[in-house]
Structures are given as structure tokens and as C-alpha cells.
Full PDB file with SEQRES, HELIX, SHEET, SSBOND, CRYST1, ORIGX, SCALE, CONECT and MASTER records, all heavy atoms in Angstrom:
SEQRES   1 A   30  ALA ALA ASP ALA GLY PHE ALA ALA VAL GLU TYR LEU PHE          
SEQRES   2 A   30  PRO TYR ASP HIS ALA PRO ASP LEU LEU ALA ALA ARG LEU          
SEQRES   3 A   30  ALA ARG HIS GLY                                              
HELIX    1 AA1 PRO A   19  HIS A   29  1                                  11    
CRYST1    1.000    1.000    1.000  90.00  90.00  90.00 P 1           1          
ORIGX1      1.000000  0.000000  0.000000        0.00000                         
ORIGX2      0.000000  1.000000  0.000000        0.00000                         
ORIGX3      0.000000  0.000000  1.000000        0.00000                         
SCALE1      1.000000  0.000000  0.000000        0.00000                         
SCALE2      0.000000  1.000000  0.000000        0.00000                         
SCALE3      0.000000  0.000000  1.000000        0.00000                         
ATOM      1  N   ALA A   1      -8.203   3.550  -1.260  1.00  0.00           N  
ATOM      2  CA  ALA A   1      -8.136   4.795  -0.511  1.00  0.00           C  
ATOM      3  C   ALA A   1      -8.699   4.626   0.869  1.00  0.00           C  
ATOM      4  O   ALA A   1      -8.126   5.104   1.878  1.00  0.00           O  
ATOM      5  CB  ALA A   1      -8.845   5.864  -1.243  1.00  0.00           C  
ATOM      6  N   ALA A   2      -9.852   3.927   0.948  1.00  0.00           N  
ATOM      7  CA  ALA A   2     -10.446   3.739   2.313  1.00  0.00           C  
ATOM      8  C   ALA A   2      -9.540   2.868   3.175  1.00  0.00           C  
ATOM      9  O   ALA A   2      -9.330   3.180   4.367  1.00  0.00           O  
ATOM     10  CB  ALA A   2     -11.814   3.026   2.133  1.00  0.00           C  
ATOM     11  N   ASP A   3      -8.969   1.854   2.608  1.00  0.00           N  
ATOM     12  CA  ASP A   3      -8.043   0.972   3.392  1.00  0.00           C  
ATOM     13  C   ASP A   3      -6.818   1.755   3.900  1.00  0.00           C  
ATOM     14  O   ASP A   3      -6.239   1.427   4.935  1.00  0.00           O  
ATOM     15  CB  ASP A   3      -7.617  -0.214   2.566  1.00  0.00           C  
ATOM     16  CG  ASP A   3      -8.726  -1.205   2.290  1.00  0.00           C  
ATOM     17  OD1 ASP A   3      -9.786  -1.113   3.019  1.00  0.00           O  
ATOM     18  OD2 ASP A   3      -8.595  -2.040   1.396  1.00  0.00           O  
ATOM     19  N   ALA A   4      -6.445   2.804   3.076  1.00  0.00           N  
ATOM     20  CA  ALA A   4      -5.255   3.570   3.480  1.00  0.00           C  
ATOM     21  C   ALA A   4      -5.572   4.638   4.495  1.00  0.00           C  
ATOM     22  O   ALA A   4      -4.709   5.401   4.961  1.00  0.00           O  
ATOM     23  CB  ALA A   4      -4.613   4.198   2.229  1.00  0.00           C  
ATOM     24  N   GLY A   5      -6.854   4.760   4.861  1.00  0.00           N  
ATOM     25  CA  GLY A   5      -7.241   5.701   5.893  1.00  0.00           C  
ATOM     26  C   GLY A   5      -7.942   6.955   5.448  1.00  0.00           C  
ATOM     27  O   GLY A   5      -8.275   7.864   6.252  1.00  0.00           O  
ATOM     28  N   PHE A   6      -8.153   7.136   4.176  1.00  0.00           N  
ATOM     29  CA  PHE A   6      -8.840   8.307   3.629  1.00  0.00           C  
ATOM     30  C   PHE A   6     -10.344   8.174   3.908  1.00  0.00           C  
ATOM     31  O   PHE A   6     -10.938   7.123   3.747  1.00  0.00           O  
ATOM     32  CB  PHE A   6      -8.607   8.490   2.199  1.00  0.00           C  
ATOM     33  CG  PHE A   6      -7.258   8.987   1.800  1.00  0.00           C  
ATOM     34  CD1 PHE A   6      -6.208   8.122   1.428  1.00  0.00           C  
ATOM     35  CD2 PHE A   6      -6.975  10.320   1.836  1.00  0.00           C  
ATOM     36  CE1 PHE A   6      -4.980   8.571   1.071  1.00  0.00           C  
ATOM     37  CE2 PHE A   6      -5.721  10.834   1.499  1.00  0.00           C  
ATOM     38  CZ  PHE A   6      -4.728   9.934   1.115  1.00  0.00           C  
ATOM     39  N   ALA A   7     -10.997   9.309   4.228  1.00  0.00           N  
ATOM     40  CA  ALA A   7     -12.408   9.347   4.404  1.00  0.00           C  
ATOM     41  C   ALA A   7     -13.104  10.054   3.243  1.00  0.00           C  
ATOM     42  O   ALA A   7     -14.338  10.102   3.168  1.00  0.00           O  
ATOM     43  CB  ALA A   7     -12.709  10.122   5.679  1.00  0.00           C  
ATOM     44  N   ALA A   8     -12.294  10.603   2.305  1.00  0.00           N  
ATOM     45  CA  ALA A   8     -12.841  11.389   1.194  1.00  0.00           C  
ATOM     46  C   ALA A   8     -12.003  11.205  -0.004  1.00  0.00           C  
ATOM     47  O   ALA A   8     -10.783  10.885   0.078  1.00  0.00           O  
ATOM     48  CB  ALA A   8     -13.030  12.875   1.542  1.00  0.00           C  
ATOM     49  N   VAL A   9     -12.603  11.392  -1.229  1.00  0.00           N  
ATOM     50  CA  VAL A   9     -11.883  11.293  -2.470  1.00  0.00           C  
ATOM     51  C   VAL A   9     -12.334  12.441  -3.365  1.00  0.00           C  
ATOM     52  O   VAL A   9     -13.337  13.056  -3.204  1.00  0.00           O  
ATOM     53  CB  VAL A   9     -12.149   9.945  -3.146  1.00  0.00           C  
ATOM     54  CG1 VAL A   9     -11.600   8.821  -2.324  1.00  0.00           C  
ATOM     55  CG2 VAL A   9     -13.634   9.756  -3.492  1.00  0.00           C  
ATOM     56  N   GLU A  10     -11.510  12.681  -4.381  1.00  0.00           N  
ATOM     57  CA  GLU A  10     -11.765  13.534  -5.485  1.00  0.00           C  
ATOM     58  C   GLU A  10     -11.096  12.939  -6.699  1.00  0.00           C  
ATOM     59  O   GLU A  10     -10.341  11.929  -6.576  1.00  0.00           O  
ATOM     60  CB  GLU A  10     -11.249  14.964  -5.262  1.00  0.00           C  
ATOM     61  CG  GLU A  10      -9.741  15.009  -5.069  1.00  0.00           C  
ATOM     62  CD  GLU A  10      -9.219  16.407  -4.876  1.00  0.00           C  
ATOM     63  OE1 GLU A  10      -9.866  17.174  -4.179  1.00  0.00           O  
ATOM     64  OE2 GLU A  10      -8.117  16.761  -5.379  1.00  0.00           O  
ATOM     65  N   TYR A  11     -11.424  13.378  -7.898  1.00  0.00           N  
ATOM     66  CA  TYR A  11     -10.701  12.954  -9.100  1.00  0.00           C  
ATOM     67  C   TYR A  11     -10.972  13.898 -10.216  1.00  0.00           C  
ATOM     68  O   TYR A  11     -11.767  14.876 -10.082  1.00  0.00           O  
ATOM     69  CB  TYR A  11     -11.039  11.523  -9.484  1.00  0.00           C  
ATOM     70  CG  TYR A  11     -12.523  11.168  -9.310  1.00  0.00           C  
ATOM     71  CD1 TYR A  11     -13.492  11.654 -10.180  1.00  0.00           C  
ATOM     72  CD2 TYR A  11     -12.939  10.326  -8.287  1.00  0.00           C  
ATOM     73  CE1 TYR A  11     -14.856  11.286 -10.033  1.00  0.00           C  
ATOM     74  CE2 TYR A  11     -14.233  10.003  -8.154  1.00  0.00           C  
ATOM     75  CZ  TYR A  11     -15.230  10.448  -9.020  1.00  0.00           C  
ATOM     76  OH  TYR A  11     -16.585  10.163  -8.866  1.00  0.00           O  
ATOM     77  N   LEU A  12     -10.330  13.667 -11.364  1.00  0.00           N  
ATOM     78  CA  LEU A  12     -10.481  14.633 -12.478  1.00  0.00           C  
ATOM     79  C   LEU A  12     -11.893  14.492 -13.119  1.00  0.00           C  
ATOM     80  O   LEU A  12     -12.692  15.388 -13.115  1.00  0.00           O  
ATOM     81  CB  LEU A  12      -9.366  14.446 -13.517  1.00  0.00           C  
ATOM     82  CG  LEU A  12      -7.942  14.728 -12.988  1.00  0.00           C  
ATOM     83  CD1 LEU A  12      -6.967  14.591 -14.117  1.00  0.00           C  
ATOM     84  CD2 LEU A  12      -7.853  16.121 -12.362  1.00  0.00           C  
ATOM     85  N   PHE A  13     -12.116  13.301 -13.691  1.00  0.00           N  
ATOM     86  CA  PHE A  13     -13.294  13.084 -14.511  1.00  0.00           C  
ATOM     87  C   PHE A  13     -13.951  11.753 -14.195  1.00  0.00           C  
ATOM     88  O   PHE A  13     -13.285  10.730 -14.158  1.00  0.00           O  
ATOM     89  CB  PHE A  13     -12.934  13.146 -15.996  1.00  0.00           C  
ATOM     90  CG  PHE A  13     -12.084  14.336 -16.345  1.00  0.00           C  
ATOM     91  CD1 PHE A  13     -10.799  14.191 -16.791  1.00  0.00           C  
ATOM     92  CD2 PHE A  13     -12.615  15.614 -16.295  1.00  0.00           C  
ATOM     93  CE1 PHE A  13      -9.995  15.248 -17.119  1.00  0.00           C  
ATOM     94  CE2 PHE A  13     -11.829  16.698 -16.614  1.00  0.00           C  
ATOM     95  CZ  PHE A  13     -10.513  16.545 -16.978  1.00  0.00           C  
ATOM     96  N   PRO A  14     -15.282  11.730 -14.048  1.00  0.00           N  
ATOM     97  CA  PRO A  14     -15.999  10.497 -13.674  1.00  0.00           C  
ATOM     98  C   PRO A  14     -16.698   9.899 -14.857  1.00  0.00           C  
ATOM     99  O   PRO A  14     -17.390   8.874 -14.695  1.00  0.00           O  
ATOM    100  CB  PRO A  14     -17.024  10.935 -12.688  1.00  0.00           C  
ATOM    101  CG  PRO A  14     -17.407  12.357 -13.168  1.00  0.00           C  
ATOM    102  CD  PRO A  14     -16.118  12.929 -13.743  1.00  0.00           C  
ATOM    103  N   TYR A  15     -16.534  10.409 -16.022  1.00  0.00           N  
ATOM    104  CA  TYR A  15     -17.527  10.150 -17.084  1.00  0.00           C  
ATOM    105  C   TYR A  15     -17.392   8.807 -17.838  1.00  0.00           C  
ATOM    106  O   TYR A  15     -18.232   8.470 -18.661  1.00  0.00           O  
ATOM    107  CB  TYR A  15     -17.477  11.318 -18.126  1.00  0.00           C  
ATOM    108  CG  TYR A  15     -17.643  12.651 -17.371  1.00  0.00           C  
ATOM    109  CD1 TYR A  15     -16.567  13.542 -17.238  1.00  0.00           C  
ATOM    110  CD2 TYR A  15     -18.804  12.937 -16.757  1.00  0.00           C  
ATOM    111  CE1 TYR A  15     -16.727  14.658 -16.560  1.00  0.00           C  
ATOM    112  CE2 TYR A  15     -18.974  14.126 -16.007  1.00  0.00           C  
ATOM    113  CZ  TYR A  15     -17.919  14.986 -15.917  1.00  0.00           C  
ATOM    114  OH  TYR A  15     -18.036  16.178 -15.194  1.00  0.00           O  
ATOM    115  N   ASP A  16     -16.365   8.023 -17.471  1.00  0.00           N  
ATOM    116  CA  ASP A  16     -16.296   6.704 -18.018  1.00  0.00           C  
ATOM    117  C   ASP A  16     -17.108   5.708 -17.213  1.00  0.00           C  
ATOM    118  O   ASP A  16     -17.198   4.526 -17.636  1.00  0.00           O  
ATOM    119  CB  ASP A  16     -14.833   6.196 -18.031  1.00  0.00           C  
ATOM    120  CG  ASP A  16     -13.958   6.941 -19.049  1.00  0.00           C  
ATOM    121  OD1 ASP A  16     -14.555   7.449 -20.043  1.00  0.00           O  
ATOM    122  OD2 ASP A  16     -12.726   6.975 -18.871  1.00  0.00           O  
ATOM    123  N   HIS A  17     -17.759   6.175 -16.191  1.00  0.00           N  
ATOM    124  CA  HIS A  17     -18.520   5.271 -15.286  1.00  0.00           C  
ATOM    125  C   HIS A  17     -19.880   5.851 -14.973  1.00  0.00           C  
ATOM    126  O   HIS A  17     -19.994   7.086 -14.850  1.00  0.00           O  
ATOM    127  CB  HIS A  17     -17.734   4.986 -13.997  1.00  0.00           C  
ATOM    128  CG  HIS A  17     -16.359   4.473 -14.293  1.00  0.00           C  
ATOM    129  ND1 HIS A  17     -16.104   3.162 -14.610  1.00  0.00           N  
ATOM    130  CD2 HIS A  17     -15.163   5.082 -14.238  1.00  0.00           C  
ATOM    131  CE1 HIS A  17     -14.806   2.994 -14.806  1.00  0.00           C  
ATOM    132  NE2 HIS A  17     -14.196   4.122 -14.539  1.00  0.00           N  
ATOM    133  N   ALA A  18     -20.883   5.039 -14.854  1.00  0.00           N  
ATOM    134  CA  ALA A  18     -22.228   5.476 -14.533  1.00  0.00           C  
ATOM    135  C   ALA A  18     -22.248   6.138 -13.156  1.00  0.00           C  
ATOM    136  O   ALA A  18     -21.633   5.638 -12.199  1.00  0.00           O  
ATOM    137  CB  ALA A  18     -23.203   4.333 -14.599  1.00  0.00           C  
ATOM    138  N   PRO A  19     -23.012   7.211 -12.972  1.00  0.00           N  
ATOM    139  CA  PRO A  19     -23.089   7.883 -11.670  1.00  0.00           C  
ATOM    140  C   PRO A  19     -23.480   6.910 -10.547  1.00  0.00           C  
ATOM    141  O   PRO A  19     -22.916   7.000  -9.476  1.00  0.00           O  
ATOM    142  CB  PRO A  19     -24.129   8.977 -11.903  1.00  0.00           C  
ATOM    143  CG  PRO A  19     -24.161   9.227 -13.381  1.00  0.00           C  
ATOM    144  CD  PRO A  19     -23.818   7.961 -13.969  1.00  0.00           C  
ATOM    145  N   ASP A  20     -24.448   6.053 -10.807  1.00  0.00           N  
ATOM    146  CA  ASP A  20     -24.904   5.153  -9.746  1.00  0.00           C  
ATOM    147  C   ASP A  20     -23.852   4.162  -9.308  1.00  0.00           C  
ATOM    148  O   ASP A  20     -23.765   3.781  -8.149  1.00  0.00           O  
ATOM    149  CB  ASP A  20     -26.167   4.401 -10.168  1.00  0.00           C  
ATOM    150  CG  ASP A  20     -27.378   5.340 -10.297  1.00  0.00           C  
ATOM    151  OD1 ASP A  20     -27.332   6.466  -9.816  1.00  0.00           O  
ATOM    152  OD2 ASP A  20     -28.374   4.926 -10.929  1.00  0.00           O  
ATOM    153  N   LEU A  21     -23.013   3.751 -10.290  1.00  0.00           N  
ATOM    154  CA  LEU A  21     -21.948   2.839  -9.953  1.00  0.00           C  
ATOM    155  C   LEU A  21     -20.932   3.528  -9.029  1.00  0.00           C  
ATOM    156  O   LEU A  21     -20.426   2.893  -8.048  1.00  0.00           O  
ATOM    157  CB  LEU A  21     -21.257   2.386 -11.255  1.00  0.00           C  
ATOM    158  CG  LEU A  21     -20.060   1.486 -11.073  1.00  0.00           C  
ATOM    159  CD1 LEU A  21     -20.409   0.171 -10.345  1.00  0.00           C  
ATOM    160  CD2 LEU A  21     -19.469   1.142 -12.489  1.00  0.00           C  
ATOM    161  N   LEU A  22     -20.573   4.794  -9.314  1.00  0.00           N  
ATOM    162  CA  LEU A  22     -19.640   5.529  -8.489  1.00  0.00           C  
ATOM    163  C   LEU A  22     -20.252   5.719  -7.099  1.00  0.00           C  
ATOM    164  O   LEU A  22     -19.532   5.664  -6.098  1.00  0.00           O  
ATOM    165  CB  LEU A  22     -19.255   6.837  -9.155  1.00  0.00           C  
ATOM    166  CG  LEU A  22     -18.557   6.680 -10.521  1.00  0.00           C  
ATOM    167  CD1 LEU A  22     -18.311   8.063 -11.140  1.00  0.00           C  
ATOM    168  CD2 LEU A  22     -17.230   6.010 -10.334  1.00  0.00           C  
ATOM    169  N   ALA A  23     -21.541   6.085  -7.050  1.00  0.00           N  
ATOM    170  CA  ALA A  23     -22.187   6.294  -5.795  1.00  0.00           C  
ATOM    171  C   ALA A  23     -22.156   5.051  -4.954  1.00  0.00           C  
ATOM    172  O   ALA A  23     -21.978   5.100  -3.724  1.00  0.00           O  
ATOM    173  CB  ALA A  23     -23.656   6.742  -6.024  1.00  0.00           C  
ATOM    174  N   ALA A  24     -22.328   3.937  -5.586  1.00  0.00           N  
ATOM    175  CA  ALA A  24     -22.290   2.630  -4.831  1.00  0.00           C  
ATOM    176  C   ALA A  24     -20.886   2.379  -4.267  1.00  0.00           C  
ATOM    177  O   ALA A  24     -20.770   1.869  -3.115  1.00  0.00           O  
ATOM    178  CB  ALA A  24     -22.710   1.457  -5.758  1.00  0.00           C  
ATOM    179  N   ARG A  25     -19.838   2.725  -4.993  1.00  0.00           N  
ATOM    180  CA  ARG A  25     -18.474   2.516  -4.475  1.00  0.00           C  
ATOM    181  C   ARG A  25     -18.235   3.410  -3.282  1.00  0.00           C  
ATOM    182  O   ARG A  25     -17.639   2.968  -2.322  1.00  0.00           O  
ATOM    183  CB  ARG A  25     -17.488   2.794  -5.603  1.00  0.00           C  
ATOM    184  CG  ARG A  25     -17.529   1.829  -6.750  1.00  0.00           C  
ATOM    185  CD  ARG A  25     -16.860   0.519  -6.420  1.00  0.00           C  
ATOM    186  NE  ARG A  25     -17.118  -0.474  -7.461  1.00  0.00           N  
ATOM    187  CZ  ARG A  25     -16.267  -1.453  -7.817  1.00  0.00           C  
ATOM    188  NH1 ARG A  25     -15.111  -1.521  -7.201  1.00  0.00           N  
ATOM    189  NH2 ARG A  25     -16.601  -2.319  -8.718  1.00  0.00           N  
ATOM    190  N   LEU A  26     -18.676   4.620  -3.370  1.00  0.00           N  
ATOM    191  CA  LEU A  26     -18.546   5.578  -2.261  1.00  0.00           C  
ATOM    192  C   LEU A  26     -19.253   5.035  -1.050  1.00  0.00           C  
ATOM    193  O   LEU A  26     -18.683   5.044   0.078  1.00  0.00           O  
ATOM    194  CB  LEU A  26     -19.066   6.937  -2.652  1.00  0.00           C  
ATOM    195  CG  LEU A  26     -18.286   7.740  -3.707  1.00  0.00           C  
ATOM    196  CD1 LEU A  26     -19.209   8.863  -4.273  1.00  0.00           C  
ATOM    197  CD2 LEU A  26     -16.984   8.269  -3.187  1.00  0.00           C  
ATOM    198  N   ALA A  27     -20.477   4.588  -1.255  1.00  0.00           N  
ATOM    199  CA  ALA A  27     -21.249   4.116  -0.075  1.00  0.00           C  
ATOM    200  C   ALA A  27     -20.624   2.876   0.497  1.00  0.00           C  
ATOM    201  O   ALA A  27     -20.578   2.665   1.718  1.00  0.00           O  
ATOM    202  CB  ALA A  27     -22.703   3.878  -0.538  1.00  0.00           C  
ATOM    203  N   ARG A  28     -20.197   1.963  -0.333  1.00  0.00           N  
ATOM    204  CA  ARG A  28     -19.643   0.704   0.155  1.00  0.00           C  
ATOM    205  C   ARG A  28     -18.434   0.904   1.053  1.00  0.00           C  
ATOM    206  O   ARG A  28     -18.214   0.171   1.984  1.00  0.00           O  
ATOM    207  CB  ARG A  28     -19.261  -0.200  -1.054  1.00  0.00           C  
ATOM    208  CG  ARG A  28     -18.687  -1.554  -0.651  1.00  0.00           C  
ATOM    209  CD  ARG A  28     -18.199  -2.314  -1.899  1.00  0.00           C  
ATOM    210  NE  ARG A  28     -19.205  -2.380  -2.960  1.00  0.00           N  
ATOM    211  CZ  ARG A  28     -18.943  -2.835  -4.193  1.00  0.00           C  
ATOM    212  NH1 ARG A  28     -17.701  -3.293  -4.512  1.00  0.00           N  
ATOM    213  NH2 ARG A  28     -19.894  -2.884  -5.095  1.00  0.00           N  
ATOM    214  N   HIS A  29     -17.682   1.929   0.688  1.00  0.00           N  
ATOM    215  CA  HIS A  29     -16.389   2.164   1.437  1.00  0.00           C  
ATOM    216  C   HIS A  29     -16.433   3.287   2.368  1.00  0.00           C  
ATOM    217  O   HIS A  29     -15.406   3.746   2.913  1.00  0.00           O  
ATOM    218  CB  HIS A  29     -15.238   2.252   0.455  1.00  0.00           C  
ATOM    219  CG  HIS A  29     -15.106   1.040  -0.467  1.00  0.00           C  
ATOM    220  ND1 HIS A  29     -14.703  -0.146   0.004  1.00  0.00           N  
ATOM    221  CD2 HIS A  29     -15.366   0.905  -1.828  1.00  0.00           C  
ATOM    222  CE1 HIS A  29     -14.713  -1.014  -0.985  1.00  0.00           C  
ATOM    223  NE2 HIS A  29     -15.103  -0.397  -2.075  1.00  0.00           N  
ATOM    224  N   GLY A  30     -17.619   3.878   2.598  1.00  0.00           N  
ATOM    225  CA  GLY A  30     -17.784   4.991   3.533  1.00  0.00           C  
ATOM    226  C   GLY A  30     -17.031   6.241   3.215  1.00  0.00           C  
ATOM    227  O   GLY A  30     -16.534   6.971   4.068  1.00  0.00           O  
TER     228      GLY A  30                                                      
MASTER        0    0    0    1    0    0    0    6  227    1    0    3          
END                                                                             
């Protein structure tokens, strides 16, 4: 998504992944 030019994301459900892992992905890709 970041490579395609998006600055923000949303999704249905995050619960298959730890919150800190998702936070790290968000931070890594701005």
C-alpha cells in the first residue's frame, strides 16, 4: 500500500496478529 502511494490504511479485523507487530508495520512504512 505504501509503495502504491497510500498514506493510510484500514481493514476489517486485526486479531490474527499481535498489536505491536501491526504497529511496527505501520511505523516501518509511514
